[in-house]
Amino acid sequence: MTPQIDIIDIFDNMLELTADLLFDMEKQLFFPDTAPGSVLDVGCGNGAYLNRLKAAFPESACTGIDLNDAMLHRAHAQPNQPIACYHGSYEELPASGTFDTIIARLVIDHIPDRAHFFRWLQDRTEDGTRIIIMDIEEGGILHVDELPLFASMYDESRRHIRRPSLLALKDTLKMELAHFRFQPINVTSYDISTDNMQIREKVHRYLQLVSQLFTGTDLSQERARELDDWYHSDRNLNIRMFGLEAFRTSSQPLSKGGLSYDMVR
């Protein structure tokens, strides 16, 4: 009988790990000097990232929305919850008004109709609002070929998540944002490197959780051994990310033309 796994627990742990691994770096990259103001986190999950943002900038009003009700229960269960989290798709957000910063972190591949999303953003932004889209680069995990079992599973899963395109996702997003009156101002690439033992331990745990999620079962002995052998070796892995920043500007007219099917669905 195939061992059952708790998908919600796995997601919960993965979100905590990605927040631990990335928040400090992304804070320095995207919020080095000033508070982000009012923030909306689209696809906030269990609120792990948004809670860290609120702790760093207590004066910022932080709002999140996510489709997964079970994950939001994890967010609401945290004591002295300083953020407002809502269940539903982005267009079902009950909070009114606009935001100073809107974050879409590790979620853009899961939005089936980006044209609809960017049109919705126009109603939730004003001149000067900053959009930050953070996600994994096409290369994803560098040197993962040294983990053949994991690499095969990961590549297959990514093919089902990221739609094919002649352009890198960040370049496609720049064109799409410009079409919808958002001016891309910066694209930053950054890496999680496992040359630090504390980070290596967290990445090792993250790879275990990803393996469970994608296989739908507990780790087999063979997969566990492959990851453990890497963890105890001197081989390094890099997880390559990008952050795309754009501003809403009324001086840039909304394009009247359509975008191709491959660009925006």
C-alpha atoms as a PDB file:
ATOM      1  CA  MET A   1       0.000   0.000   0.000  1.00  0.00           C
ATOM      2  CA  THR A   2       1.370   3.434  -0.990  1.00  0.00           C
ATOM      3  CA  PRO A   3       2.048   5.600   2.084  1.00  0.00           C
ATOM      4  CA  GLN A   4      -0.219   8.638   2.240  1.00  0.00           C
ATOM      5  CA  ILE A   5       1.233  12.114   2.596  1.00  0.00           C
ATOM      6  CA  ASP A   6      -0.315  15.269   4.019  1.00  0.00           C
ATOM      7  CA  ILE A   7      -0.201  17.753   1.136  1.00  0.00           C
ATOM      8  CA  ILE A   8      -1.127  20.696   3.354  1.00  0.00           C
ATOM      9  CA  ASP A   9       1.681  19.939   5.797  1.00  0.00           C
ATOM     10  CA  ILE A  10       4.111  19.668   2.906  1.00  0.00           C
ATOM     11  CA  PHE A  11       3.028  22.990   1.406  1.00  0.00           C
ATOM     12  CA  ASP A  12       3.119  24.616   4.836  1.00  0.00           C
ATOM     13  CA  ASN A  13       6.690  23.450   5.433  1.00  0.00           C
ATOM     14  CA  MET A  14       7.780  24.409   1.908  1.00  0.00           C
ATOM     15  CA  LEU A  15       6.439  27.951   2.314  1.00  0.00           C
ATOM     16  CA  GLU A  16       8.177  28.352   5.659  1.00  0.00           C
ATOM     17  CA  LEU A  17      11.438  27.162   4.122  1.00  0.00           C
ATOM     18  CA  THR A  18      11.246  29.420   1.057  1.00  0.00           C
ATOM     19  CA  ALA A  19      10.486  32.384   3.319  1.00  0.00           C
ATOM     20  CA  ASP A  20      13.460  31.490   5.518  1.00  0.00           C
ATOM     21  CA  LEU A  21      15.731  31.074   2.523  1.00  0.00           C
ATOM     22  CA  LEU A  22      14.690  34.127   0.539  1.00  0.00           C
ATOM     23  CA  PHE A  23      13.164  36.845   2.691  1.00  0.00           C
ATOM     24  CA  ASP A  24      16.319  38.531   3.982  1.00  0.00           C
ATOM     25  CA  MET A  25      17.891  38.551   0.528  1.00  0.00           C
ATOM     26  CA  GLU A  26      14.736  39.857  -1.159  1.00  0.00           C
ATOM     27  CA  LYS A  27      14.266  42.508   1.509  1.00  0.00           C
ATOM     28  CA  GLN A  28      17.726  43.862   0.728  1.00  0.00           C
ATOM     29  CA  LEU A  29      17.091  43.718  -3.008  1.00  0.00           C
ATOM     30  CA  PHE A  30      13.576  45.164  -3.191  1.00  0.00           C
ATOM     31  CA  PHE A  31      13.047  47.089   0.079  1.00  0.00           C
ATOM     32  CA  PRO A  32      16.536  48.240   1.079  1.00  0.00           C
ATOM     33  CA  ASP A  33      15.741  51.745   2.302  1.00  0.00           C
ATOM     34  CA  THR A  34      12.022  52.424   2.544  1.00  0.00           C
ATOM     35  CA  ALA A  35       8.920  50.622   3.735  1.00  0.00           C
ATOM     36  CA  PRO A  36       6.705  49.160   0.991  1.00  0.00           C
ATOM     37  CA  GLY A  37       3.586  50.983   2.229  1.00  0.00           C
ATOM     38  CA  SER A  38       0.341  49.043   1.925  1.00  0.00           C
ATOM     39  CA  VAL A  39       1.077  45.582   0.540  1.00  0.00           C
ATOM     40  CA  LEU A  40      -0.983  42.929  -1.230  1.00  0.00           C
ATOM     41  CA  ASP A  41       0.551  39.453  -1.518  1.00  0.00           C
ATOM     42  CA  VAL A  42      -1.216  37.527  -4.296  1.00  0.00           C
ATOM     43  CA  GLY A  43      -0.972  33.833  -3.455  1.00  0.00           C
ATOM     44  CA  CYS A  44       0.091  34.399   0.155  1.00  0.00           C
ATOM     45  CA  GLY A  45      -0.270  30.750   1.191  1.00  0.00           C
ATOM     46  CA  ASN A  46       0.211  30.341   4.941  1.00  0.00           C
ATOM     47  CA  GLY A  47       1.310  33.969   5.339  1.00  0.00           C
ATOM     48  CA  ALA A  48       4.913  33.042   6.180  1.00  0.00           C
ATOM     49  CA  TYR A  49       6.447  35.599   3.820  1.00  0.00           C
ATOM     50  CA  LEU A  50       3.903  38.332   4.553  1.00  0.00           C
ATOM     51  CA  ASN A  51       4.411  37.900   8.299  1.00  0.00           C
ATOM     52  CA  ARG A  52       8.130  38.477   7.871  1.00  0.00           C
ATOM     53  CA  LEU A  53       7.435  41.572   5.788  1.00  0.00           C
ATOM     54  CA  LYS A  54       5.106  42.905   8.480  1.00  0.00           C
ATOM     55  CA  ALA A  55       7.705  42.239  11.188  1.00  0.00           C
ATOM     56  CA  ALA A  56      10.313  44.133   9.168  1.00  0.00           C
ATOM     57  CA  PHE A  57       7.955  47.037   8.411  1.00  0.00           C
ATOM     58  CA  PRO A  58       5.378  47.266  11.238  1.00  0.00           C
ATOM     59  CA  GLU A  59       3.928  50.466   9.771  1.00  0.00           C
ATOM     60  CA  SER A  60       2.919  48.717   6.537  1.00  0.00           C
ATOM     61  CA  ALA A  61      -0.631  47.381   6.197  1.00  0.00           C
ATOM     62  CA  CYS A  62      -0.225  43.844   4.863  1.00  0.00           C
ATOM     63  CA  THR A  63      -2.979  41.933   3.036  1.00  0.00           C
ATOM     64  CA  GLY A  64      -2.862  38.491   1.460  1.00  0.00           C
ATOM     65  CA  ILE A  65      -5.186  36.355  -0.643  1.00  0.00           C
ATOM     66  CA  ASP A  66      -4.958  32.703  -1.599  1.00  0.00           C
ATOM     67  CA  LEU A  67      -7.161  30.069  -3.214  1.00  0.00           C
ATOM     68  CA  ASN A  68      -6.184  27.357  -0.748  1.00  0.00           C
ATOM     69  CA  ASP A  69      -8.493  27.627   2.245  1.00  0.00           C
ATOM     70  CA  ALA A  70      -6.545  25.036   4.235  1.00  0.00           C
ATOM     71  CA  MET A  71      -3.341  27.065   3.887  1.00  0.00           C
ATOM     72  CA  LEU A  72      -5.137  30.204   5.042  1.00  0.00           C
ATOM     73  CA  HIS A  73      -6.282  28.335   8.159  1.00  0.00           C
ATOM     74  CA  ARG A  74      -2.574  27.922   8.931  1.00  0.00           C
ATOM     75  CA  ALA A  75      -2.117  31.681   8.519  1.00  0.00           C
ATOM     76  CA  HIS A  76      -5.092  32.493  10.744  1.00  0.00           C
ATOM     77  CA  ALA A  77      -3.898  30.046  13.399  1.00  0.00           C
ATOM     78  CA  GLN A  78      -0.761  32.047  14.102  1.00  0.00           C
ATOM     79  CA  PRO A  79      -0.978  34.015  17.378  1.00  0.00           C
ATOM     80  CA  ASN A  80      -1.414  37.800  17.280  1.00  0.00           C
ATOM     81  CA  GLN A  81      -1.917  37.662  13.529  1.00  0.00           C
ATOM     82  CA  PRO A  82      -0.722  41.026  12.189  1.00  0.00           C
ATOM     83  CA  ILE A  83      -1.876  40.535   8.601  1.00  0.00           C
ATOM     84  CA  ALA A  84      -5.268  40.292   6.880  1.00  0.00           C
ATOM     85  CA  CYS A  85      -5.679  37.127   4.796  1.00  0.00           C
ATOM     86  CA  TYR A  86      -8.611  36.347   2.513  1.00  0.00           C
ATOM     87  CA  HIS A  87      -9.737  33.195   0.761  1.00  0.00           C
ATOM     88  CA  GLY A  88     -10.359  33.286  -2.967  1.00  0.00           C
ATOM     89  CA  SER A  89      -8.913  34.284  -6.309  1.00  0.00           C
ATOM     90  CA  TYR A  90      -7.367  37.732  -6.661  1.00  0.00           C
ATOM     91  CA  GLU A  91     -10.517  39.201  -8.259  1.00  0.00           C
ATOM     92  CA  GLU A  92     -12.514  38.107  -5.188  1.00  0.00           C
ATOM     93  CA  LEU A  93     -10.439  40.252  -2.852  1.00  0.00           C
ATOM     94  CA  PRO A  94     -12.984  41.968  -0.560  1.00  0.00           C
ATOM     95  CA  ALA A  95     -10.667  44.765   0.562  1.00  0.00           C
ATOM     96  CA  SER A  96     -11.339  47.969  -1.360  1.00  0.00           C
ATOM     97  CA  GLY A  97      -8.980  50.598  -2.674  1.00  0.00           C
ATOM     98  CA  THR A  98      -5.495  50.430  -4.120  1.00  0.00           C
ATOM     99  CA  PHE A  99      -2.134  49.278  -2.778  1.00  0.00           C
ATOM    100  CA  ASP A 100       1.342  50.796  -2.744  1.00  0.00           C
ATOM    101  CA  THR A 101       3.016  47.455  -3.473  1.00  0.00           C
ATOM    102  CA  ILE A 102       1.621  44.265  -4.984  1.00  0.00           C
ATOM    103  CA  ILE A 103       3.701  41.087  -4.761  1.00  0.00           C
ATOM    104  CA  ALA A 104       3.245  37.953  -6.863  1.00  0.00           C
ATOM    105  CA  ARG A 105       5.821  35.541  -5.505  1.00  0.00           C
ATOM    106  CA  LEU A 106       6.238  32.021  -6.886  1.00  0.00           C
ATOM    107  CA  VAL A 107       2.689  32.240  -8.212  1.00  0.00           C
ATOM    108  CA  ILE A 108       2.707  33.765 -11.713  1.00  0.00           C
ATOM    109  CA  ASP A 109       2.968  30.348 -13.411  1.00  0.00           C
ATOM    110  CA  HIS A 110      -0.251  29.324 -11.666  1.00  0.00           C
ATOM    111  CA  ILE A 111      -2.341  32.252 -12.952  1.00  0.00           C
ATOM    112  CA  PRO A 112      -4.071  30.816 -16.046  1.00  0.00           C
ATOM    113  CA  ASP A 113      -5.112  34.152 -17.581  1.00  0.00           C
ATOM    114  CA  ARG A 114      -2.381  36.720 -17.064  1.00  0.00           C
ATOM    115  CA  ALA A 115      -4.136  39.277 -19.279  1.00  0.00           C
ATOM    116  CA  HIS A 116      -7.104  39.174 -16.894  1.00  0.00           C
ATOM    117  CA  PHE A 117      -4.749  39.466 -13.930  1.00  0.00           C
ATOM    118  CA  PHE A 118      -2.958  42.517 -15.337  1.00  0.00           C
ATOM    119  CA  ARG A 119      -6.284  44.201 -16.172  1.00  0.00           C
ATOM    120  CA  TRP A 120      -7.378  43.581 -12.590  1.00  0.00           C
ATOM    121  CA  LEU A 121      -4.129  45.117 -11.355  1.00  0.00           C
ATOM    122  CA  GLN A 122      -5.072  48.343 -13.115  1.00  0.00           C
ATOM    123  CA  ASP A 123      -8.068  48.664 -10.767  1.00  0.00           C
ATOM    124  CA  ARG A 124      -5.970  47.964  -7.681  1.00  0.00           C
ATOM    125  CA  THR A 125      -3.100  50.321  -8.468  1.00  0.00           C
ATOM    126  CA  GLU A 126      -2.475  54.013  -8.951  1.00  0.00           C
ATOM    127  CA  ASP A 127       0.416  56.055 -10.279  1.00  0.00           C
ATOM    128  CA  GLY A 128       3.541  54.990  -8.434  1.00  0.00           C
ATOM    129  CA  THR A 129       2.267  51.596  -7.299  1.00  0.00           C
ATOM    130  CA  ARG A 130       5.044  49.038  -7.523  1.00  0.00           C
ATOM    131  CA  ILE A 131       4.491  45.518  -8.860  1.00  0.00           C
ATOM    132  CA  ILE A 132       7.077  42.896  -7.867  1.00  0.00           C
ATOM    133  CA  ILE A 133       6.990  39.471  -9.509  1.00  0.00           C
ATOM    134  CA  MET A 134       9.445  36.958  -8.050  1.00  0.00           C
ATOM    135  CA  ASP A 135       9.943  33.470  -9.419  1.00  0.00           C
ATOM    136  CA  ILE A 136      12.391  30.761 -10.413  1.00  0.00           C
ATOM    137  CA  GLU A 137      14.445  31.281 -13.565  1.00  0.00           C
ATOM    138  CA  GLU A 138      14.127  28.861 -16.465  1.00  0.00           C
ATOM    139  CA  GLY A 139      17.375  27.204 -15.416  1.00  0.00           C
ATOM    140  CA  GLY A 140      15.788  26.632 -12.034  1.00  0.00           C
ATOM    141  CA  ILE A 141      18.148  24.587  -9.917  1.00  0.00           C
ATOM    142  CA  LEU A 142      21.695  24.738 -11.274  1.00  0.00           C
ATOM    143  CA  HIS A 143      23.860  21.585 -11.165  1.00  0.00           C
ATOM    144  CA  VAL A 144      20.764  19.517 -10.402  1.00  0.00           C
ATOM    145  CA  ASP A 145      21.961  17.031 -13.045  1.00  0.00           C
ATOM    146  CA  GLU A 146      24.144  15.637 -10.261  1.00  0.00           C
ATOM    147  CA  LEU A 147      20.853  14.432  -8.745  1.00  0.00           C
ATOM    148  CA  PRO A 148      19.471  12.439 -11.697  1.00  0.00           C
ATOM    149  CA  LEU A 149      16.354  11.090  -9.961  1.00  0.00           C
ATOM    150  CA  PHE A 150      15.384  14.493  -8.641  1.00  0.00           C
ATOM    151  CA  ALA A 151      16.312  16.266 -11.891  1.00  0.00           C
ATOM    152  CA  SER A 152      14.123  13.979 -14.006  1.00  0.00           C
ATOM    153  CA  MET A 153      11.135  14.406 -11.688  1.00  0.00           C
ATOM    154  CA  TYR A 154      11.647  18.180 -11.361  1.00  0.00           C
ATOM    155  CA  ASP A 155      12.003  18.798 -15.103  1.00  0.00           C
ATOM    156  CA  GLU A 156       8.877  16.789 -15.848  1.00  0.00           C
ATOM    157  CA  SER A 157       6.847  18.672 -13.252  1.00  0.00           C
ATOM    158  CA  ARG A 158       8.039  22.073 -14.486  1.00  0.00           C
ATOM    159  CA  ARG A 159       6.929  21.215 -18.026  1.00  0.00           C
ATOM    160  CA  HIS A 160       3.387  20.940 -16.704  1.00  0.00           C
ATOM    161  CA  ILE A 161       3.610  24.218 -14.794  1.00  0.00           C
ATOM    162  CA  ARG A 162       5.440  26.695 -17.030  1.00  0.00           C
ATOM    163  CA  ARG A 163       3.900  27.273 -20.441  1.00  0.00           C
ATOM    164  CA  PRO A 164       6.311  26.955 -23.382  1.00  0.00           C
ATOM    165  CA  SER A 165       7.673  30.155 -24.872  1.00  0.00           C
ATOM    166  CA  LEU A 166      10.512  31.320 -27.098  1.00  0.00           C
ATOM    167  CA  LEU A 167      11.295  33.974 -24.489  1.00  0.00           C
ATOM    168  CA  ALA A 168      12.387  33.661 -20.889  1.00  0.00           C
ATOM    169  CA  LEU A 169       9.485  34.217 -18.517  1.00  0.00           C
ATOM    170  CA  LYS A 170      10.919  37.492 -17.185  1.00  0.00           C
ATOM    171  CA  ASP A 171      11.193  38.896 -20.725  1.00  0.00           C
ATOM    172  CA  THR A 172       7.643  37.846 -21.577  1.00  0.00           C
ATOM    173  CA  LEU A 173       6.379  39.455 -18.379  1.00  0.00           C
ATOM    174  CA  LYS A 174       8.158  42.727 -19.193  1.00  0.00           C
ATOM    175  CA  MET A 175       6.311  42.921 -22.515  1.00  0.00           C
ATOM    176  CA  GLU A 176       2.986  42.014 -20.932  1.00  0.00           C
ATOM    177  CA  LEU A 177       3.319  44.547 -18.137  1.00  0.00           C
ATOM    178  CA  ALA A 178       4.219  47.331 -20.546  1.00  0.00           C
ATOM    179  CA  HIS A 179       1.106  46.495 -22.568  1.00  0.00           C
ATOM    180  CA  PHE A 180      -1.042  47.058 -19.483  1.00  0.00           C
ATOM    181  CA  ARG A 181       0.436  50.424 -18.476  1.00  0.00           C
ATOM    182  CA  PHE A 182       3.044  49.137 -16.044  1.00  0.00           C
ATOM    183  CA  GLN A 183       6.568  50.337 -16.707  1.00  0.00           C
ATOM    184  CA  PRO A 184       9.181  47.641 -16.028  1.00  0.00           C
ATOM    185  CA  ILE A 185      12.107  49.304 -14.294  1.00  0.00           C
ATOM    186  CA  ASN A 186      14.371  46.527 -13.140  1.00  0.00           C
ATOM    187  CA  VAL A 187      14.994  42.787 -13.388  1.00  0.00           C
ATOM    188  CA  THR A 188      17.245  41.319 -10.718  1.00  0.00           C
ATOM    189  CA  SER A 189      18.703  37.819 -10.785  1.00  0.00           C
ATOM    190  CA  TYR A 190      19.831  36.246  -7.520  1.00  0.00           C
ATOM    191  CA  ASP A 191      20.803  32.811  -6.239  1.00  0.00           C
ATOM    192  CA  ILE A 192      20.353  30.627  -3.219  1.00  0.00           C
ATOM    193  CA  SER A 193      23.705  28.897  -2.843  1.00  0.00           C
ATOM    194  CA  THR A 194      24.242  25.841  -0.674  1.00  0.00           C
ATOM    195  CA  ASP A 195      27.864  26.649   0.194  1.00  0.00           C
ATOM    196  CA  ASN A 196      26.585  27.655   3.652  1.00  0.00           C
ATOM    197  CA  MET A 197      25.766  24.667   5.883  1.00  0.00           C
ATOM    198  CA  GLN A 198      22.675  26.263   7.406  1.00  0.00           C
ATOM    199  CA  ILE A 199      21.281  27.008   3.944  1.00  0.00           C
ATOM    200  CA  ARG A 200      22.365  23.584   2.708  1.00  0.00           C
ATOM    201  CA  GLU A 201      20.334  21.926   5.469  1.00  0.00           C
ATOM    202  CA  LYS A 202      17.221  23.931   4.538  1.00  0.00           C
ATOM    203  CA  VAL A 203      17.625  23.237   0.815  1.00  0.00           C
ATOM    204  CA  HIS A 204      18.068  19.531   1.565  1.00  0.00           C
ATOM    205  CA  ARG A 205      14.781  19.557   3.463  1.00  0.00           C
ATOM    206  CA  TYR A 206      13.136  21.551   0.674  1.00  0.00           C
ATOM    207  CA  LEU A 207      14.251  19.008  -1.954  1.00  0.00           C
ATOM    208  CA  GLN A 208      12.810  16.219   0.181  1.00  0.00           C
ATOM    209  CA  LEU A 209       9.462  18.020   0.412  1.00  0.00           C
ATOM    210  CA  VAL A 210       9.391  18.781  -3.322  1.00  0.00           C
ATOM    211  CA  SER A 211      10.073  15.104  -4.026  1.00  0.00           C
ATOM    212  CA  GLN A 212       7.174  14.057  -1.810  1.00  0.00           C
ATOM    213  CA  LEU A 213       4.870  16.613  -3.389  1.00  0.00           C
ATOM    214  CA  PHE A 214       5.650  15.660  -6.985  1.00  0.00           C
ATOM    215  CA  THR A 215       5.649  11.892  -6.428  1.00  0.00           C
ATOM    216  CA  GLY A 216       2.605  11.962  -4.140  1.00  0.00           C
ATOM    217  CA  THR A 217       4.186   9.600  -1.639  1.00  0.00           C
ATOM    218  CA  ASP A 218       6.880   9.332   1.013  1.00  0.00           C
ATOM    219  CA  LEU A 219      10.462   9.345  -0.201  1.00  0.00           C
ATOM    220  CA  SER A 220      11.639   6.038  -1.564  1.00  0.00           C
ATOM    221  CA  GLN A 221      14.918   4.726  -0.174  1.00  0.00           C
ATOM    222  CA  GLU A 222      16.588   5.408  -3.522  1.00  0.00           C
ATOM    223  CA  ARG A 223      15.450   9.052  -3.671  1.00  0.00           C
ATOM    224  CA  ALA A 224      16.277   9.638  -0.016  1.00  0.00           C
ATOM    225  CA  ARG A 225      19.752   8.172  -0.503  1.00  0.00           C
ATOM    226  CA  GLU A 226      20.421  10.397  -3.525  1.00  0.00           C
ATOM    227  CA  LEU A 227      19.518  13.553  -1.568  1.00  0.00           C
ATOM    228  CA  ASP A 228      21.420  12.438   1.530  1.00  0.00           C
ATOM    229  CA  ASP A 229      24.535  11.649  -0.538  1.00  0.00           C
ATOM    230  CA  TRP A 230      24.398  15.162  -1.996  1.00  0.00           C
ATOM    231  CA  TYR A 231      23.892  16.738   1.438  1.00  0.00           C
ATOM    232  CA  HIS A 232      27.004  15.040   2.841  1.00  0.00           C
ATOM    233  CA  SER A 233      29.127  15.788  -0.251  1.00  0.00           C
ATOM    234  CA  ASP A 234      30.988  18.954  -1.235  1.00  0.00           C
ATOM    235  CA  ARG A 235      28.801  19.497  -4.320  1.00  0.00           C
ATOM    236  CA  ASN A 236      26.992  22.804  -4.481  1.00  0.00           C
ATOM    237  CA  LEU A 237      23.516  23.586  -5.792  1.00  0.00           C
ATOM    238  CA  ASN A 238      22.249  27.026  -6.804  1.00  0.00           C
ATOM    239  CA  ILE A 239      18.576  27.929  -7.046  1.00  0.00           C
ATOM    240  CA  ARG A 240      18.365  30.878  -9.458  1.00  0.00           C
ATOM    241  CA  MET A 241      15.589  33.421  -8.984  1.00  0.00           C
ATOM    242  CA  PHE A 242      14.506  36.631 -10.671  1.00  0.00           C
ATOM    243  CA  GLY A 243      12.621  39.643  -9.410  1.00  0.00           C
ATOM    244  CA  LEU A 244      10.835  41.906 -11.892  1.00  0.00           C
ATOM    245  CA  GLU A 245       9.841  45.361 -10.665  1.00  0.00           C
ATOM    246  CA  ALA A 246       7.383  47.596 -12.504  1.00  0.00           C
ATOM    247  CA  PHE A 247       5.555  50.834 -11.714  1.00  0.00           C
ATOM    248  CA  ARG A 248       2.071  51.922 -12.665  1.00  0.00           C
ATOM    249  CA  THR A 249       2.259  55.073 -14.732  1.00  0.00           C
ATOM    250  CA  SER A 250      -0.579  56.977 -16.383  1.00  0.00           C
ATOM    251  CA  SER A 251       1.877  58.636 -18.741  1.00  0.00           C
ATOM    252  CA  GLN A 252       2.199  55.349 -20.591  1.00  0.00           C
ATOM    253  CA  PRO A 253      -0.964  54.846 -22.689  1.00  0.00           C
ATOM    254  CA  LEU A 254      -2.682  51.497 -22.601  1.00  0.00           C
ATOM    255  CA  SER A 255      -1.933  49.621 -25.797  1.00  0.00           C
ATOM    256  CA  LYS A 256      -4.953  49.112 -28.058  1.00  0.00           C
ATOM    257  CA  GLY A 257      -3.481  46.154 -29.880  1.00  0.00           C
ATOM    258  CA  GLY A 258      -3.753  42.559 -28.803  1.00  0.00           C
ATOM    259  CA  LEU A 259      -1.003  40.293 -27.630  1.00  0.00           C
ATOM    260  CA  SER A 260      -0.281  36.942 -29.147  1.00  0.00           C
ATOM    261  CA  TYR A 261      -1.650  33.779 -27.610  1.00  0.00           C
ATOM    262  CA  ASP A 262       1.874  32.754 -26.611  1.00  0.00           C
ATOM    263  CA  MET A 263       2.428  36.001 -24.730  1.00  0.00           C
ATOM    264  CA  VAL A 264      -0.725  36.395 -22.678  1.00  0.00           C
ATOM    265  CA  ARG A 265      -3.482  33.915 -22.076  1.00  0.00           C
END
